[in-house]
Amino acid sequence: MKEIKDICFILQSRVNSKRLPRKVIKPFAGTTLFDIAINKLVNSELIPNENIYCSLYDDELKDIAQKYPVNIFHRSEESVSESSEHRVVLEWGWKLSYKWFVILNPCSPLLSIETIDSFVKHYLNSPHKSLFSVHKNNNFYWDSNQQMITPYPGAVDTKLVEDTYSGAHVLYAGSNDDIANNVYLGDFTPNNPELYTVNEEETLDIDVKWQFDRAELIYKNLK
């Protein structure tokens, strides 16, 4: 069993996103995506504020983070480059003295605090080193060669289709030692990482403008 004092909670962000520049600080429902994400971690009754780290390079983001009871991990310029090395992009993994990490995607404003806490509680009690948020799907899938991935159930009825899972890309957890060895969430064999199903309604991940606009409308309605 893991202890929460041994987990660092990471909110990693940068301003120079390619598909929608400055999306994390762009006005969003009277606030910003970055502020929403920090508030969720800070307002969790489970997560200690002293274990929360905003991993940042841009001064604009650091100015926002300084308004909250969280730590700032000062990212290197190399870590915001296009490096594909986990040890570079996630450099806090071998620089912070924690055994485990949980990462929250700051571009998922519909994710609830309750879902975050549920994910963390599961990870604390999990025997596995890593945990990956996913959606459970019942649909037909083919690969790039038009070979069917999901077994055909004999009828075009999705209720009969075998369960498959796709990445939700909102919450991730793993071992800091693995990052030091340039491994992120394991080797993607069964339970490495373990899959954790989350509600798809909460997991709109904003990459482009139409997603930003749609998420803002939904967020305002929920409020």
Protein backbone atom coordinates (compact mmCIF):
# COMPACT_ATOMS: atom_id res chain seq x y z
CA MET A 1 0.00 0.00 0.00
CA LYS A 2 1.23 3.48 -0.88
CA GLU A 3 1.15 6.49 1.47
CA ILE A 4 -0.09 9.85 0.30
CA LYS A 5 2.92 11.63 1.80
CA ASP A 6 5.04 9.79 -0.77
CA ILE A 7 3.06 11.07 -3.78
CA CYS A 8 3.72 14.35 -5.60
CA PHE A 9 0.75 15.79 -7.46
CA ILE A 10 1.89 17.40 -10.69
CA LEU A 11 0.25 20.04 -12.81
CA GLN A 12 2.57 20.54 -15.77
CA SER A 13 1.87 23.24 -18.31
CA ARG A 14 3.35 25.64 -20.82
CA VAL A 15 2.13 28.64 -22.79
CA ASN A 16 3.46 27.74 -26.24
CA SER A 17 0.99 25.00 -27.16
CA LYS A 18 1.01 24.51 -30.93
CA ARG A 19 -2.60 23.79 -31.91
CA LEU A 20 -4.21 26.39 -29.64
CA PRO A 21 -1.54 28.84 -28.41
CA ARG A 22 -1.87 30.13 -24.83
CA LYS A 23 -4.94 27.96 -24.21
CA VAL A 24 -4.20 27.43 -20.52
CA ILE A 25 -4.29 31.20 -19.79
CA LYS A 26 -6.85 32.20 -22.42
CA PRO A 27 -10.03 33.60 -20.75
CA PHE A 28 -12.35 30.68 -20.02
CA ALA A 29 -15.72 31.18 -18.29
CA GLY A 30 -14.38 34.10 -16.27
CA THR A 31 -11.18 32.32 -15.28
CA THR A 32 -8.54 30.15 -17.03
CA LEU A 33 -7.97 26.44 -17.52
CA PHE A 34 -4.83 26.72 -15.41
CA ASP A 35 -6.67 28.35 -12.49
CA ILE A 36 -9.44 25.74 -12.66
CA ALA A 37 -6.94 22.89 -12.50
CA ILE A 38 -5.02 24.34 -9.55
CA ASN A 39 -8.23 24.98 -7.63
CA LYS A 40 -9.30 21.36 -8.04
CA LEU A 41 -6.11 20.04 -6.49
CA VAL A 42 -6.09 22.66 -3.73
CA ASN A 43 -9.75 22.04 -2.85
CA SER A 44 -9.39 18.28 -2.63
CA GLU A 45 -9.90 17.04 0.94
CA LEU A 46 -7.53 14.18 0.22
CA ILE A 47 -4.51 15.84 -1.41
CA PRO A 48 -2.11 17.78 0.87
CA ASN A 49 -1.31 21.24 -0.53
CA GLU A 50 2.36 20.76 0.30
CA ASN A 51 2.47 17.81 -2.13
CA ILE A 52 1.13 19.84 -5.08
CA TYR A 53 3.68 21.03 -7.65
CA CYS A 54 3.09 23.21 -10.69
CA SER A 55 5.84 22.30 -13.15
CA LEU A 56 6.35 25.52 -15.14
CA TYR A 57 8.76 27.39 -17.36
CA ASP A 58 6.76 30.48 -18.36
CA ASP A 59 6.71 33.47 -16.00
CA GLU A 60 3.03 34.12 -16.82
CA LEU A 61 2.12 30.72 -15.41
CA LYS A 62 4.38 31.12 -12.39
CA ASP A 63 2.67 34.43 -11.57
CA ILE A 64 -0.68 32.62 -11.47
CA ALA A 65 0.61 29.68 -9.42
CA GLN A 66 2.08 32.01 -6.81
CA LYS A 67 -1.45 33.02 -5.82
CA TYR A 68 -2.15 29.51 -4.52
CA PRO A 69 -0.79 27.38 -1.64
CA VAL A 70 1.23 25.15 -3.99
CA ASN A 71 4.87 24.59 -4.90
CA ILE A 72 6.44 25.71 -8.16
CA PHE A 73 8.89 23.39 -9.87
CA HIS A 74 10.96 25.52 -12.23
CA ARG A 75 11.21 23.62 -15.51
CA SER A 76 14.31 23.90 -17.65
CA GLU A 77 14.15 25.31 -21.18
CA GLU A 78 15.02 21.86 -22.50
CA SER A 79 11.94 20.34 -20.85
CA VAL A 80 9.59 22.55 -22.90
CA SER A 81 11.32 21.62 -26.14
CA GLU A 82 10.12 18.84 -28.43
CA SER A 83 12.13 16.16 -26.64
CA SER A 84 10.57 12.70 -26.57
CA GLU A 85 12.63 11.58 -23.56
CA HIS A 86 10.49 11.19 -20.46
CA ARG A 87 13.48 11.97 -18.27
CA VAL A 88 13.77 15.38 -19.96
CA VAL A 89 10.11 16.39 -20.25
CA LEU A 90 9.24 15.09 -16.77
CA GLU A 91 12.47 16.14 -15.08
CA TRP A 92 10.71 16.63 -11.73
CA GLY A 93 10.50 12.82 -11.60
CA TRP A 94 14.14 12.48 -10.66
CA LYS A 95 14.60 15.87 -8.99
CA LEU A 96 11.78 15.71 -6.42
CA SER A 97 12.17 13.33 -3.48
CA TYR A 98 8.93 11.37 -3.81
CA LYS A 99 8.29 7.70 -4.58
CA TRP A 100 5.17 8.19 -6.69
CA PHE A 101 3.41 10.79 -8.81
CA VAL A 102 -0.08 11.69 -9.98
CA ILE A 103 -0.41 14.01 -13.00
CA LEU A 104 -3.54 16.04 -13.71
CA ASN A 105 -4.11 17.29 -17.26
CA PRO A 106 -4.83 21.06 -16.95
CA CYS A 107 -6.82 21.05 -20.20
CA SER A 108 -9.74 19.00 -18.86
CA PRO A 109 -11.91 21.53 -17.00
CA LEU A 110 -14.94 19.22 -16.74
CA LEU A 111 -13.10 16.70 -14.55
CA SER A 112 -14.59 16.69 -11.04
CA ILE A 113 -12.73 16.78 -7.74
CA GLU A 114 -14.61 13.62 -6.79
CA THR A 115 -13.17 11.76 -9.78
CA ILE A 116 -9.67 13.01 -8.99
CA ASP A 117 -9.97 11.85 -5.37
CA SER A 118 -11.41 8.50 -6.43
CA PHE A 119 -8.46 7.96 -8.79
CA VAL A 120 -5.99 8.83 -6.02
CA LYS A 121 -7.69 6.54 -3.48
CA HIS A 122 -7.59 3.67 -5.95
CA TYR A 123 -3.90 4.27 -6.64
CA LEU A 124 -3.08 4.38 -2.93
CA ASN A 125 -4.50 0.88 -2.52
CA SER A 126 -3.35 -0.55 -5.84
CA PRO A 127 -0.54 -3.14 -5.90
CA HIS A 128 0.52 -1.82 -9.31
CA LYS A 129 3.14 0.83 -10.00
CA SER A 130 1.17 2.83 -12.55
CA LEU A 131 -2.41 3.82 -13.27
CA PHE A 132 -3.88 5.20 -16.51
CA SER A 133 -7.32 6.85 -16.85
CA VAL A 134 -9.39 5.32 -19.66
CA HIS A 135 -12.87 5.22 -21.20
CA LYS A 136 -14.68 1.91 -21.59
CA ASN A 137 -16.04 1.59 -25.13
CA ASN A 138 -18.47 -0.71 -26.87
CA ASN A 139 -17.92 -0.06 -30.54
CA PHE A 140 -16.44 -1.51 -33.72
CA TYR A 141 -12.77 -0.76 -34.41
CA TRP A 142 -10.46 -1.45 -37.35
CA ASP A 143 -6.72 -0.96 -37.71
CA SER A 144 -5.00 0.94 -40.56
CA ASN A 145 -5.16 -2.17 -42.73
CA GLN A 146 -8.94 -2.42 -42.26
CA GLN A 147 -8.50 -5.50 -40.11
CA MET A 148 -11.18 -5.60 -37.43
CA ILE A 149 -9.74 -5.16 -33.95
CA THR A 150 -12.89 -5.93 -31.94
CA PRO A 151 -14.32 -9.43 -32.49
CA TYR A 152 -17.42 -9.27 -34.67
CA PRO A 153 -20.38 -10.42 -32.51
CA GLY A 154 -22.46 -11.55 -35.49
CA ALA A 155 -24.68 -8.48 -35.64
CA VAL A 156 -24.21 -4.73 -35.98
CA ASP A 157 -25.31 -4.16 -32.39
CA THR A 158 -22.80 -2.34 -30.21
CA LYS A 159 -24.36 -3.81 -27.05
CA LEU A 160 -22.93 -7.16 -28.12
CA VAL A 161 -19.40 -5.90 -28.76
CA GLU A 162 -16.60 -6.90 -26.43
CA ASP A 163 -15.38 -4.09 -24.15
CA THR A 164 -12.41 -2.07 -25.31
CA TYR A 165 -10.62 0.82 -23.59
CA SER A 166 -9.21 4.10 -24.87
CA GLY A 167 -7.03 6.67 -23.14
CA ALA A 168 -8.96 9.42 -21.32
CA HIS A 169 -5.78 11.50 -20.95
CA VAL A 170 -6.83 13.30 -17.78
CA LEU A 171 -5.08 11.47 -14.93
CA TYR A 172 -1.88 9.43 -14.80
CA ALA A 173 0.07 7.90 -11.93
CA GLY A 174 3.37 6.12 -11.67
CA SER A 175 6.79 5.72 -10.13
CA ASN A 176 9.33 8.52 -9.91
CA ASP A 177 12.14 5.98 -10.11
CA ASP A 178 10.82 4.83 -13.47
CA ILE A 179 11.00 8.37 -14.85
CA ALA A 180 14.60 8.58 -13.68
CA ASN A 181 15.18 5.51 -15.87
CA ASN A 182 13.35 7.13 -18.80
CA VAL A 183 10.21 5.01 -18.33
CA TYR A 184 6.89 6.80 -17.94
CA LEU A 185 3.97 4.48 -17.11
CA GLY A 186 5.47 1.05 -17.64
CA ASP A 187 5.81 -1.21 -20.66
CA PHE A 188 2.07 -1.25 -21.47
CA THR A 189 1.63 -4.93 -20.78
CA PRO A 190 -1.41 -5.99 -18.65
CA ASN A 191 -1.60 -3.91 -15.44
CA ASN A 192 1.54 -2.01 -16.34
CA PRO A 193 -0.17 0.45 -16.30
CA GLU A 194 -3.35 -0.63 -14.61
CA LEU A 195 -6.42 0.85 -16.32
CA TYR A 196 -8.85 3.05 -14.38
CA THR A 197 -12.21 3.80 -15.99
CA VAL A 198 -13.52 7.36 -15.76
CA ASN A 199 -16.75 8.98 -16.95
CA GLU A 200 -16.32 10.18 -20.54
CA GLU A 201 -18.60 13.18 -19.84
CA GLU A 202 -15.87 14.63 -17.61
CA THR A 203 -12.92 14.11 -19.88
CA LEU A 204 -13.11 16.54 -22.78
CA ASP A 205 -9.40 17.23 -23.39
CA ILE A 206 -8.95 20.62 -25.05
CA ASP A 207 -6.48 20.68 -27.94
CA VAL A 208 -8.15 22.91 -30.53
CA LYS A 209 -10.52 25.90 -30.58
CA TRP A 210 -13.81 24.05 -31.10
CA GLN A 211 -13.06 21.90 -28.06
CA PHE A 212 -12.21 25.03 -26.06
CA ASP A 213 -15.51 26.70 -27.06
CA ARG A 214 -17.59 23.58 -26.39
CA ALA A 215 -15.98 22.95 -23.01
CA GLU A 216 -16.56 26.56 -21.99
CA LEU A 217 -20.29 26.29 -22.78
CA ILE A 218 -20.61 23.04 -20.84
CA TYR A 219 -18.59 24.39 -17.92
CA LYS A 220 -20.81 27.50 -17.68
CA ASN A 221 -23.95 25.36 -17.72
CA LEU A 222 -22.60 23.10 -15.01
CA LYS A 223 -21.83 26.14 -12.87
